[in-house]
Amino acid sequence: MLRFASALLLSLLLTTRASAQGPGTKFVGLMGGATLSDISNLAGVGDDRWGGTAGIFGGINAGPTALTLEANWIQKGGGDTKLSYIEFPLTIGAILAPEGKTYRARIYSGVSFGFNVDCNCENAKGSEWGWPLGLQIAKVTDTGKFFGFDVKYTWPLSDAFEFGDADNRVWSFRLMFGKAVGPS
């Protein structure tokens, strides 16, 4: 937790204000892409597993930070073990917006909660908690629309199975499209 707090504090100190999407701007969007995951501490599972993810997000810019809530379908697991979740990450992160430029970067972290909706295995728990840490890079237009790339790693905060100490470790690689909505 100390690493998270230190990284968030440092990123907040190094930010500048976003001009096209300033404080108070609300935004919505879609994102989707690929996942690369494995299951730790579970013998016989095998190697990494590629999967998919898709979802919606919304949030608000608050000064040099942005608060975002997502709703995602995401595939996890390892080797032949396949799990699918509906996941709800709540994140806060620093917006890095160079003066006069149309691109933005956001370093973020938070917490996520997921419900297991499909599994080809036995003894999977019905839910799990995670700690996402990610980076987004996006181009913002004059009309408030944006598109970009998001990469995120989610550290497991709970076990994925009823037995042992096995948990999902997941990388997500996503494209995102969105726009500012309502008055800022």
N, C-alpha and C. Protein backbone atom coordinates (compact mmCIF):
# COMPACT_ATOMS: atom_id res chain seq x y z
N MET A 1 0.81 -1.18 0.00
CA MET A 1 0.00 0.00 0.00
C MET A 1 0.87 1.26 0.00
N LEU A 2 2.03 1.18 0.63
CA LEU A 2 2.94 2.32 0.66
C LEU A 2 3.41 2.68 -0.74
N ARG A 3 3.69 1.66 -1.58
CA ARG A 3 4.10 1.93 -2.96
C ARG A 3 3.00 2.65 -3.73
N PHE A 4 1.76 2.20 -3.55
CA PHE A 4 0.62 2.83 -4.22
C PHE A 4 0.49 4.29 -3.81
N ALA A 5 0.51 4.55 -2.51
CA ALA A 5 0.36 5.91 -2.01
C ALA A 5 1.49 6.81 -2.50
N SER A 6 2.72 6.29 -2.51
CA SER A 6 3.86 7.07 -2.99
C SER A 6 3.74 7.39 -4.48
N ALA A 7 3.36 6.39 -5.28
CA ALA A 7 3.21 6.60 -6.73
C ALA A 7 2.09 7.58 -7.03
N LEU A 8 0.98 7.47 -6.32
CA LEU A 8 -0.14 8.38 -6.55
C LEU A 8 0.23 9.81 -6.14
N LEU A 9 0.87 9.98 -5.01
CA LEU A 9 1.29 11.31 -4.57
C LEU A 9 2.27 11.93 -5.55
N LEU A 10 3.24 11.17 -6.02
CA LEU A 10 4.21 11.68 -6.97
C LEU A 10 3.52 12.09 -8.28
N SER A 11 2.62 11.25 -8.77
CA SER A 11 1.94 11.58 -10.03
C SER A 11 1.05 12.81 -9.87
N LEU A 12 0.44 13.00 -8.72
CA LEU A 12 -0.38 14.19 -8.50
C LEU A 12 0.48 15.46 -8.48
N LEU A 13 1.67 15.35 -7.92
CA LEU A 13 2.56 16.51 -7.85
C LEU A 13 3.13 16.90 -9.20
N LEU A 14 3.23 15.95 -10.13
CA LEU A 14 3.84 16.20 -11.42
C LEU A 14 2.84 16.56 -12.52
N THR A 15 1.58 16.77 -12.18
CA THR A 15 0.57 16.99 -13.20
C THR A 15 0.38 18.46 -13.52
N THR A 16 -0.18 18.67 -14.73
CA THR A 16 -0.65 19.99 -15.13
C THR A 16 -2.09 19.86 -15.53
N ARG A 17 -2.79 20.95 -15.59
CA ARG A 17 -4.22 20.89 -15.92
C ARG A 17 -4.45 20.56 -17.39
N ALA A 18 -5.52 19.78 -17.63
CA ALA A 18 -5.94 19.47 -19.00
C ALA A 18 -6.77 20.64 -19.51
N SER A 19 -6.50 21.10 -20.74
CA SER A 19 -7.21 22.26 -21.25
C SER A 19 -8.53 21.91 -21.91
N ALA A 20 -8.58 20.91 -22.79
CA ALA A 20 -9.82 20.57 -23.48
C ALA A 20 -10.81 19.87 -22.57
N GLN A 21 -10.32 19.20 -21.55
CA GLN A 21 -11.18 18.52 -20.61
C GLN A 21 -10.73 18.91 -19.21
N GLY A 22 -11.09 20.09 -18.81
CA GLY A 22 -10.64 20.64 -17.55
C GLY A 22 -11.42 20.11 -16.37
N PRO A 23 -11.17 20.67 -15.19
CA PRO A 23 -11.83 20.25 -13.97
C PRO A 23 -13.34 20.32 -14.11
N GLY A 24 -14.02 19.29 -13.60
CA GLY A 24 -15.47 19.23 -13.64
C GLY A 24 -16.03 18.58 -14.89
N THR A 25 -15.20 18.29 -15.89
CA THR A 25 -15.67 17.66 -17.12
C THR A 25 -16.04 16.20 -16.84
N LYS A 26 -17.26 15.84 -17.22
CA LYS A 26 -17.71 14.45 -17.12
C LYS A 26 -17.44 13.77 -18.46
N PHE A 27 -17.16 12.46 -18.45
CA PHE A 27 -16.88 11.74 -19.68
C PHE A 27 -17.43 10.32 -19.61
N VAL A 28 -17.71 9.75 -20.79
CA VAL A 28 -18.15 8.37 -20.93
C VAL A 28 -17.43 7.74 -22.11
N GLY A 29 -17.39 6.42 -22.14
CA GLY A 29 -16.73 5.78 -23.28
C GLY A 29 -16.84 4.27 -23.27
N LEU A 30 -16.24 3.70 -24.30
CA LEU A 30 -16.16 2.26 -24.50
C LEU A 30 -14.71 1.85 -24.55
N MET A 31 -14.40 0.64 -24.08
CA MET A 31 -13.05 0.12 -24.23
C MET A 31 -13.10 -1.39 -24.41
N GLY A 32 -12.10 -1.90 -25.10
CA GLY A 32 -12.01 -3.33 -25.32
C GLY A 32 -10.65 -3.71 -25.82
N GLY A 33 -10.32 -5.00 -25.66
CA GLY A 33 -9.02 -5.46 -26.10
C GLY A 33 -8.72 -6.86 -25.64
N ALA A 34 -7.45 -7.09 -25.31
CA ALA A 34 -6.96 -8.43 -24.97
C ALA A 34 -6.47 -8.47 -23.52
N THR A 35 -6.49 -9.68 -22.95
CA THR A 35 -5.93 -9.91 -21.63
C THR A 35 -4.88 -11.01 -21.72
N LEU A 36 -3.89 -10.94 -20.86
CA LEU A 36 -2.89 -11.99 -20.70
C LEU A 36 -2.84 -12.31 -19.21
N SER A 37 -3.17 -13.54 -18.85
CA SER A 37 -3.29 -13.87 -17.44
C SER A 37 -2.65 -15.22 -17.12
N ASP A 38 -2.46 -15.44 -15.84
CA ASP A 38 -2.05 -16.75 -15.33
C ASP A 38 -2.63 -16.90 -13.93
N ILE A 39 -2.53 -18.10 -13.40
CA ILE A 39 -3.00 -18.38 -12.05
C ILE A 39 -1.78 -18.75 -11.23
N SER A 40 -1.55 -18.02 -10.15
CA SER A 40 -0.39 -18.31 -9.30
C SER A 40 -0.73 -19.42 -8.31
N ASN A 41 0.28 -20.15 -7.92
CA ASN A 41 0.18 -21.16 -6.86
C ASN A 41 -0.83 -22.27 -7.08
N LEU A 42 -1.06 -22.65 -8.34
CA LEU A 42 -2.00 -23.74 -8.62
C LEU A 42 -1.31 -24.74 -9.54
N ALA A 43 -0.91 -25.87 -8.99
CA ALA A 43 -0.17 -26.88 -9.74
C ALA A 43 -1.00 -27.45 -10.89
N GLY A 44 -0.37 -27.69 -12.01
CA GLY A 44 -1.01 -28.34 -13.14
C GLY A 44 -1.85 -27.44 -14.02
N VAL A 45 -1.87 -26.14 -13.76
CA VAL A 45 -2.70 -25.23 -14.56
C VAL A 45 -2.06 -24.97 -15.92
N GLY A 46 -0.78 -24.84 -15.96
CA GLY A 46 -0.11 -24.58 -17.24
C GLY A 46 0.36 -23.16 -17.34
N ASP A 47 0.47 -22.71 -18.58
CA ASP A 47 1.07 -21.42 -18.88
C ASP A 47 0.06 -20.28 -18.87
N ASP A 48 0.51 -19.15 -19.42
CA ASP A 48 -0.34 -17.97 -19.56
C ASP A 48 -1.52 -18.28 -20.48
N ARG A 49 -2.53 -17.44 -20.40
CA ARG A 49 -3.72 -17.58 -21.23
C ARG A 49 -4.08 -16.22 -21.80
N TRP A 50 -4.30 -16.16 -23.12
CA TRP A 50 -4.80 -14.94 -23.75
C TRP A 50 -6.32 -14.98 -23.73
N GLY A 51 -6.94 -13.83 -23.52
CA GLY A 51 -8.39 -13.72 -23.51
C GLY A 51 -8.82 -12.36 -24.02
N GLY A 52 -10.05 -12.01 -23.75
CA GLY A 52 -10.58 -10.74 -24.21
C GLY A 52 -11.21 -9.96 -23.08
N THR A 53 -11.50 -8.70 -23.35
CA THR A 53 -12.18 -7.83 -22.40
C THR A 53 -12.92 -6.74 -23.18
N ALA A 54 -14.07 -6.32 -22.65
CA ALA A 54 -14.84 -5.23 -23.26
C ALA A 54 -15.69 -4.60 -22.17
N GLY A 55 -15.94 -3.31 -22.31
CA GLY A 55 -16.75 -2.66 -21.29
C GLY A 55 -17.03 -1.20 -21.57
N ILE A 56 -17.67 -0.58 -20.58
CA ILE A 56 -18.01 0.84 -20.62
C ILE A 56 -17.37 1.52 -19.42
N PHE A 57 -17.20 2.84 -19.52
CA PHE A 57 -16.67 3.59 -18.39
C PHE A 57 -17.26 4.99 -18.37
N GLY A 58 -17.19 5.59 -17.22
CA GLY A 58 -17.60 6.98 -17.05
C GLY A 58 -16.82 7.58 -15.90
N GLY A 59 -16.74 8.90 -15.90
CA GLY A 59 -15.99 9.52 -14.82
C GLY A 59 -16.07 11.03 -14.86
N ILE A 60 -15.24 11.63 -14.02
CA ILE A 60 -15.18 13.08 -13.91
C ILE A 60 -13.75 13.51 -13.66
N ASN A 61 -13.35 14.60 -14.33
CA ASN A 61 -12.06 15.21 -14.06
C ASN A 61 -12.22 16.13 -12.86
N ALA A 62 -11.33 16.00 -11.90
CA ALA A 62 -11.36 16.82 -10.69
C ALA A 62 -9.99 17.44 -10.52
N GLY A 63 -9.81 18.63 -11.11
CA GLY A 63 -8.49 19.26 -11.08
C GLY A 63 -7.53 18.45 -11.92
N PRO A 64 -6.35 18.14 -11.40
CA PRO A 64 -5.38 17.37 -12.18
C PRO A 64 -5.57 15.86 -12.06
N THR A 65 -6.73 15.42 -11.55
CA THR A 65 -7.00 13.99 -11.41
C THR A 65 -8.31 13.63 -12.09
N ALA A 66 -8.51 12.34 -12.31
CA ALA A 66 -9.77 11.84 -12.86
C ALA A 66 -10.22 10.64 -12.06
N LEU A 67 -11.50 10.61 -11.73
CA LEU A 67 -12.13 9.49 -11.04
C LEU A 67 -12.97 8.74 -12.06
N THR A 68 -12.77 7.42 -12.19
CA THR A 68 -13.43 6.63 -13.23
C THR A 68 -14.02 5.36 -12.64
N LEU A 69 -15.23 5.00 -13.12
CA LEU A 69 -15.87 3.73 -12.79
C LEU A 69 -16.09 2.98 -14.09
N GLU A 70 -15.69 1.71 -14.12
CA GLU A 70 -15.85 0.87 -15.31
C GLU A 70 -16.78 -0.30 -14.99
N ALA A 71 -17.39 -0.86 -16.02
CA ALA A 71 -18.12 -2.13 -15.96
C ALA A 71 -17.59 -2.94 -17.13
N ASN A 72 -16.91 -4.07 -16.84
CA ASN A 72 -16.22 -4.85 -17.87
C ASN A 72 -16.57 -6.32 -17.81
N TRP A 73 -16.57 -6.95 -18.96
CA TRP A 73 -16.49 -8.41 -19.06
C TRP A 73 -15.01 -8.68 -19.30
N ILE A 74 -14.45 -9.66 -18.58
CA ILE A 74 -13.02 -9.92 -18.71
C ILE A 74 -12.75 -11.42 -18.55
N GLN A 75 -11.89 -11.95 -19.41
CA GLN A 75 -11.47 -13.35 -19.33
C GLN A 75 -10.15 -13.45 -18.58
N LYS A 76 -10.08 -14.43 -17.69
CA LYS A 76 -8.89 -14.67 -16.88
C LYS A 76 -8.59 -16.15 -16.87
N GLY A 77 -7.58 -16.54 -16.13
CA GLY A 77 -7.23 -17.94 -15.99
C GLY A 77 -5.80 -18.19 -16.39
N GLY A 78 -5.50 -19.46 -16.64
CA GLY A 78 -4.17 -19.85 -17.07
C GLY A 78 -4.22 -21.21 -17.73
N GLY A 79 -3.44 -21.41 -18.77
CA GLY A 79 -3.43 -22.69 -19.48
C GLY A 79 -4.82 -23.04 -19.98
N ASP A 80 -5.32 -24.21 -19.59
CA ASP A 80 -6.65 -24.66 -19.99
C ASP A 80 -7.75 -24.20 -19.03
N THR A 81 -7.39 -23.54 -17.94
CA THR A 81 -8.38 -23.06 -16.97
C THR A 81 -8.89 -21.70 -17.44
N LYS A 82 -10.20 -21.65 -17.73
CA LYS A 82 -10.81 -20.44 -18.28
C LYS A 82 -11.87 -19.92 -17.32
N LEU A 83 -11.73 -18.65 -16.96
CA LEU A 83 -12.70 -17.99 -16.10
C LEU A 83 -13.12 -16.68 -16.76
N SER A 84 -14.39 -16.33 -16.62
CA SER A 84 -14.89 -15.04 -17.11
C SER A 84 -15.56 -14.31 -15.95
N TYR A 85 -15.36 -13.00 -15.91
CA TYR A 85 -15.89 -12.18 -14.83
C TYR A 85 -16.61 -10.96 -15.39
N ILE A 86 -17.54 -10.44 -14.61
CA ILE A 86 -18.03 -9.08 -14.78
C ILE A 86 -17.35 -8.31 -13.66
N GLU A 87 -16.60 -7.27 -14.03
CA GLU A 87 -15.74 -6.59 -13.08
C GLU A 87 -16.06 -5.10 -13.04
N PHE A 88 -15.92 -4.52 -11.86
CA PHE A 88 -16.20 -3.10 -11.65
C PHE A 88 -15.00 -2.41 -11.00
N PRO A 89 -14.05 -1.91 -11.81
CA PRO A 89 -12.93 -1.15 -11.26
C PRO A 89 -13.32 0.31 -10.98
N LEU A 90 -12.97 0.79 -9.81
CA LEU A 90 -13.11 2.20 -9.45
C LEU A 90 -11.69 2.72 -9.28
N THR A 91 -11.31 3.71 -10.12
CA THR A 91 -9.92 4.19 -10.10
C THR A 91 -9.86 5.71 -9.98
N ILE A 92 -8.74 6.16 -9.47
CA ILE A 92 -8.42 7.58 -9.43
C ILE A 92 -6.99 7.72 -9.96
N GLY A 93 -6.76 8.77 -10.73
CA GLY A 93 -5.42 8.91 -11.28
C GLY A 93 -5.09 10.30 -11.73
N ALA A 94 -3.83 10.56 -11.82
CA ALA A 94 -3.31 11.86 -12.21
C ALA A 94 -3.34 12.01 -13.72
N ILE A 95 -3.79 13.18 -14.18
CA ILE A 95 -3.80 13.50 -15.60
C ILE A 95 -2.54 14.29 -15.93
N LEU A 96 -1.79 13.81 -16.89
CA LEU A 96 -0.60 14.50 -17.35
C LEU A 96 -0.95 15.13 -18.69
N ALA A 97 -1.01 16.45 -18.75
CA ALA A 97 -1.46 17.16 -19.96
C ALA A 97 -0.49 18.28 -20.29
N PRO A 98 0.45 18.04 -21.18
CA PRO A 98 1.39 19.10 -21.56
C PRO A 98 0.65 20.30 -22.16
N GLU A 99 1.02 21.48 -21.76
CA GLU A 99 0.39 22.72 -22.24
C GLU A 99 0.46 22.82 -23.76
N GLY A 100 -0.69 23.07 -24.38
CA GLY A 100 -0.75 23.26 -25.82
C GLY A 100 -0.74 21.98 -26.64
N LYS A 101 -0.75 20.82 -26.01
CA LYS A 101 -0.73 19.54 -26.73
C LYS A 101 -2.13 18.91 -26.70
N THR A 102 -2.42 18.05 -27.68
CA THR A 102 -3.73 17.41 -27.75
C THR A 102 -3.74 16.01 -27.15
N TYR A 103 -2.62 15.55 -26.65
CA TYR A 103 -2.60 14.23 -26.03
C TYR A 103 -2.58 14.36 -24.51
N ARG A 104 -3.08 13.32 -23.86
CA ARG A 104 -3.12 13.26 -22.40
C ARG A 104 -2.63 11.89 -21.97
N ALA A 105 -2.06 11.84 -20.80
CA ALA A 105 -1.71 10.57 -20.18
C ALA A 105 -2.33 10.55 -18.79
N ARG A 106 -2.66 9.38 -18.33
CA ARG A 106 -3.25 9.23 -17.00
C ARG A 106 -2.63 8.01 -16.34
N ILE A 107 -2.07 8.20 -15.15
CA ILE A 107 -1.57 7.12 -14.32
C ILE A 107 -2.62 6.91 -13.25
N TYR A 108 -3.07 5.66 -13.08
CA TYR A 108 -4.18 5.45 -12.16
C TYR A 108 -4.03 4.18 -11.33
N SER A 109 -4.80 4.12 -10.26
CA SER A 109 -4.90 2.95 -9.41
C SER A 109 -6.24 3.01 -8.69
N GLY A 110 -6.58 1.96 -8.02
CA GLY A 110 -7.85 1.92 -7.30
C GLY A 110 -8.14 0.54 -6.77
N VAL A 111 -9.39 0.13 -6.92
CA VAL A 111 -9.83 -1.17 -6.46
C VAL A 111 -10.85 -1.72 -7.45
N SER A 112 -10.89 -3.05 -7.61
CA SER A 112 -11.89 -3.65 -8.49
C SER A 112 -12.54 -4.83 -7.78
N PHE A 113 -13.80 -5.05 -8.14
CA PHE A 113 -14.56 -6.17 -7.61
C PHE A 113 -15.18 -6.89 -8.80
N GLY A 114 -15.05 -8.22 -8.83
CA GLY A 114 -15.56 -8.98 -9.97
C GLY A 114 -16.40 -10.16 -9.54
N PHE A 115 -17.43 -10.47 -10.35
CA PHE A 115 -18.28 -11.65 -10.17
C PHE A 115 -17.93 -12.68 -11.22
N ASN A 116 -17.66 -13.90 -10.81
CA ASN A 116 -17.37 -14.98 -11.75
C ASN A 116 -18.68 -15.35 -12.45
N VAL A 117 -18.69 -15.28 -13.79
CA VAL A 117 -19.89 -15.61 -14.56
C VAL A 117 -19.72 -16.87 -15.40
N ASP A 118 -18.49 -17.39 -15.52
CA ASP A 118 -18.28 -18.61 -16.30
C ASP A 118 -16.93 -19.21 -15.92
N CYS A 119 -16.90 -20.55 -15.81
CA CYS A 119 -15.65 -21.23 -15.47
C CYS A 119 -15.71 -22.65 -15.98
N ASN A 120 -14.63 -23.12 -16.58
CA ASN A 120 -14.56 -24.51 -17.03
C ASN A 120 -13.83 -25.36 -15.99
N CYS A 121 -13.91 -24.95 -14.74
CA CYS A 121 -13.16 -25.61 -13.68
C CYS A 121 -14.04 -25.76 -12.44
N GLU A 122 -13.53 -26.49 -11.45
CA GLU A 122 -14.25 -26.67 -10.20
C GLU A 122 -13.65 -25.77 -9.13
N ASN A 123 -14.45 -25.49 -8.13
CA ASN A 123 -14.01 -24.80 -6.92
C ASN A 123 -13.60 -23.34 -7.13
N ALA A 124 -14.03 -22.70 -8.21
CA ALA A 124 -13.74 -21.27 -8.38
C ALA A 124 -14.68 -20.49 -7.46
N LYS A 125 -14.14 -19.47 -6.82
CA LYS A 125 -14.97 -18.61 -5.99
C LYS A 125 -15.89 -17.78 -6.86
N GLY A 126 -16.96 -17.30 -6.28
CA GLY A 126 -17.95 -16.52 -7.03
C GLY A 126 -17.56 -15.07 -7.23
N SER A 127 -16.54 -14.60 -6.50
CA SER A 127 -16.13 -13.20 -6.64
C SER A 127 -14.65 -13.07 -6.30
N GLU A 128 -14.09 -11.93 -6.68
CA GLU A 128 -12.70 -11.64 -6.33
C GLU A 128 -12.47 -10.13 -6.31
N TRP A 129 -11.47 -9.74 -5.53
CA TRP A 129 -11.05 -8.34 -5.42
C TRP A 129 -9.68 -8.19 -6.09
N GLY A 130 -9.44 -7.00 -6.66
CA GLY A 130 -8.15 -6.73 -7.28
C GLY A 130 -7.71 -5.29 -7.08
N TRP A 131 -6.42 -5.06 -7.33
CA TRP A 131 -5.82 -3.73 -7.20
C TRP A 131 -5.24 -3.35 -8.56
N PRO A 132 -6.00 -2.59 -9.37
CA PRO A 132 -5.50 -2.21 -10.70
C PRO A 132 -4.49 -1.07 -10.62
N LEU A 133 -3.50 -1.14 -11.51
CA LEU A 133 -2.54 -0.06 -11.69
C LEU A 133 -2.33 0.07 -13.19
N GLY A 134 -2.56 1.26 -13.75
CA GLY A 134 -2.50 1.37 -15.19
C GLY A 134 -2.02 2.70 -15.71
N LEU A 135 -1.89 2.74 -17.05
CA LEU A 135 -1.48 3.93 -17.78
C LEU A 135 -2.36 4.05 -19.01
N GLN A 136 -2.91 5.24 -19.22
CA GLN A 136 -3.69 5.53 -20.42
C GLN A 136 -3.02 6.66 -21.17
N ILE A 137 -3.03 6.56 -22.49
CA ILE A 137 -2.55 7.64 -23.34
C ILE A 137 -3.64 7.89 -24.37
N ALA A 138 -4.08 9.14 -24.50
CA ALA A 138 -5.20 9.44 -25.39
C ALA A 138 -4.98 10.76 -26.11
N LYS A 139 -5.59 10.86 -27.27
CA LYS A 139 -5.62 12.11 -28.04
C LYS A 139 -7.01 12.69 -27.84
N VAL A 140 -7.06 13.98 -27.52
CA VAL A 140 -8.32 14.68 -27.27
C VAL A 140 -8.56 15.67 -28.40
N THR A 141 -9.78 15.67 -28.95
CA THR A 141 -10.13 16.61 -30.01
C THR A 141 -10.70 17.89 -29.41
N ASP A 142 -10.88 18.91 -30.25
CA ASP A 142 -11.47 20.18 -29.79
C ASP A 142 -12.91 20.01 -29.34
N THR A 143 -13.59 18.97 -29.83
CA THR A 143 -14.99 18.74 -29.47
C THR A 143 -15.13 17.91 -28.20
N GLY A 144 -14.04 17.52 -27.57
CA GLY A 144 -14.09 16.75 -26.33
C GLY A 144 -14.09 15.25 -26.53
N LYS A 145 -14.02 14.79 -27.77
CA LYS A 145 -13.90 13.35 -28.02
C LYS A 145 -12.46 12.93 -27.79
N PHE A 146 -12.27 11.67 -27.41
CA PHE A 146 -10.91 11.17 -27.22
C PHE A 146 -10.83 9.70 -27.62
N PHE A 147 -9.64 9.29 -28.00
CA PHE A 147 -9.36 7.89 -28.30
C PHE A 147 -7.93 7.62 -27.87
N GLY A 148 -7.70 6.38 -27.44
CA GLY A 148 -6.37 6.08 -26.96
C GLY A 148 -6.17 4.63 -26.60
N PHE A 149 -5.13 4.39 -25.82
CA PHE A 149 -4.68 3.06 -25.44
C PHE A 149 -4.56 3.01 -23.92
N ASP A 150 -4.91 1.86 -23.37
CA ASP A 150 -4.85 1.66 -21.92
C ASP A 150 -4.14 0.33 -21.66
N VAL A 151 -3.18 0.33 -20.75
CA VAL A 151 -2.55 -0.91 -20.30
C VAL A 151 -2.64 -0.95 -18.79
N LYS A 152 -3.07 -2.11 -18.26
CA LYS A 152 -3.34 -2.21 -16.83
C LYS A 152 -2.92 -3.58 -16.32
N TYR A 153 -2.32 -3.60 -15.13
CA TYR A 153 -2.06 -4.85 -14.42
C TYR A 153 -2.92 -4.84 -13.18
N THR A 154 -3.54 -5.99 -12.86
CA THR A 154 -4.37 -6.09 -11.66
C THR A 154 -3.76 -7.11 -10.71
N TRP A 155 -3.31 -6.61 -9.56
CA TRP A 155 -2.80 -7.49 -8.51
C TRP A 155 -4.00 -8.12 -7.80
N PRO A 156 -3.96 -9.42 -7.56
CA PRO A 156 -5.06 -10.06 -6.85
C PRO A 156 -5.04 -9.70 -5.37
N LEU A 157 -6.20 -9.36 -4.84
CA LEU A 157 -6.34 -9.09 -3.41
C LEU A 157 -7.10 -10.21 -2.71
N SER A 158 -7.63 -11.16 -3.49
CA SER A 158 -8.33 -12.31 -2.93
C SER A 158 -8.03 -13.54 -3.79
N ASP A 159 -8.25 -14.70 -3.22
CA ASP A 159 -8.03 -15.95 -3.94
C ASP A 159 -9.13 -16.18 -4.96
N ALA A 160 -8.80 -16.87 -6.05
CA ALA A 160 -9.78 -17.17 -7.10
C ALA A 160 -10.47 -18.51 -6.88
N PHE A 161 -9.92 -19.36 -6.00
CA PHE A 161 -10.46 -20.69 -5.80
C PHE A 161 -10.72 -20.94 -4.32
N GLU A 162 -11.61 -21.89 -4.03
CA GLU A 162 -11.99 -22.23 -2.65
C GLU A 162 -10.84 -22.87 -1.88
N PHE A 163 -9.88 -23.43 -2.57
CA PHE A 163 -8.78 -24.13 -1.93
C PHE A 163 -7.47 -23.40 -2.21
N GLY A 164 -6.51 -23.62 -1.37
CA GLY A 164 -5.16 -23.10 -1.62
C GLY A 164 -5.07 -21.59 -1.63
N ASP A 165 -3.98 -21.14 -2.20
CA ASP A 165 -3.65 -19.72 -2.24
C ASP A 165 -3.52 -19.29 -3.71
N ALA A 166 -4.43 -19.75 -4.57
CA ALA A 166 -4.35 -19.51 -6.00
C ALA A 166 -5.14 -18.26 -6.38
N ASP A 167 -4.52 -17.41 -7.20
CA ASP A 167 -5.21 -16.19 -7.62
C ASP A 167 -4.88 -15.83 -9.06
N ASN A 168 -5.76 -15.02 -9.67
CA ASN A 168 -5.58 -14.55 -11.04
C ASN A 168 -4.64 -13.36 -11.06
N ARG A 169 -3.70 -13.37 -12.01
CA ARG A 169 -2.83 -12.23 -12.27
C ARG A 169 -3.07 -11.84 -13.72
N VAL A 170 -3.50 -10.60 -13.95
CA VAL A 170 -4.02 -10.23 -15.27
C VAL A 170 -3.42 -8.92 -15.79
N TRP A 171 -2.96 -8.96 -17.05
CA TRP A 171 -2.61 -7.77 -17.82
C TRP A 171 -3.76 -7.51 -18.79
N SER A 172 -4.16 -6.27 -18.94
CA SER A 172 -5.18 -5.88 -19.93
C SER A 172 -4.57 -4.86 -20.88
N PHE A 173 -4.81 -5.05 -22.18
CA PHE A 173 -4.34 -4.16 -23.23
C PHE A 173 -5.58 -3.72 -24.01
N ARG A 174 -6.00 -2.45 -23.85
CA ARG A 174 -7.29 -2.03 -24.37
C ARG A 174 -7.21 -0.76 -25.19
N LEU A 175 -8.08 -0.68 -26.19
CA LEU A 175 -8.32 0.57 -26.91
C LEU A 175 -9.52 1.23 -26.25
N MET A 176 -9.53 2.57 -26.22
CA MET A 176 -10.66 3.27 -25.60
C MET A 176 -11.10 4.42 -26.51
N PHE A 177 -12.41 4.64 -26.49
CA PHE A 177 -13.04 5.72 -27.25
C PHE A 177 -14.06 6.37 -26.32
N GLY A 178 -14.11 7.71 -26.31
CA GLY A 178 -15.06 8.36 -25.43
C GLY A 178 -15.27 9.82 -25.80
N LYS A 179 -16.09 10.48 -24.96
CA LYS A 179 -16.34 11.90 -25.17
C LYS A 179 -16.78 12.55 -23.87
N ALA A 180 -16.57 13.85 -23.82
CA ALA A 180 -17.04 14.65 -22.70
C ALA A 180 -18.55 14.80 -22.84
N VAL A 181 -19.26 14.79 -21.72
CA VAL A 181 -20.71 14.92 -21.72
C VAL A 181 -21.16 15.97 -20.72
N GLY A 182 -22.25 16.65 -21.04
CA GLY A 182 -22.83 17.62 -20.12
C GLY A 182 -21.95 18.83 -19.89
N PRO A 183 -22.47 19.75 -19.12
CA PRO A 183 -21.68 20.96 -18.81
C PRO A 183 -20.54 20.63 -17.85
N SER A 184 -19.44 21.35 -18.00
CA SER A 184 -18.31 21.12 -17.09
C SER A 184 -18.43 22.02 -15.88
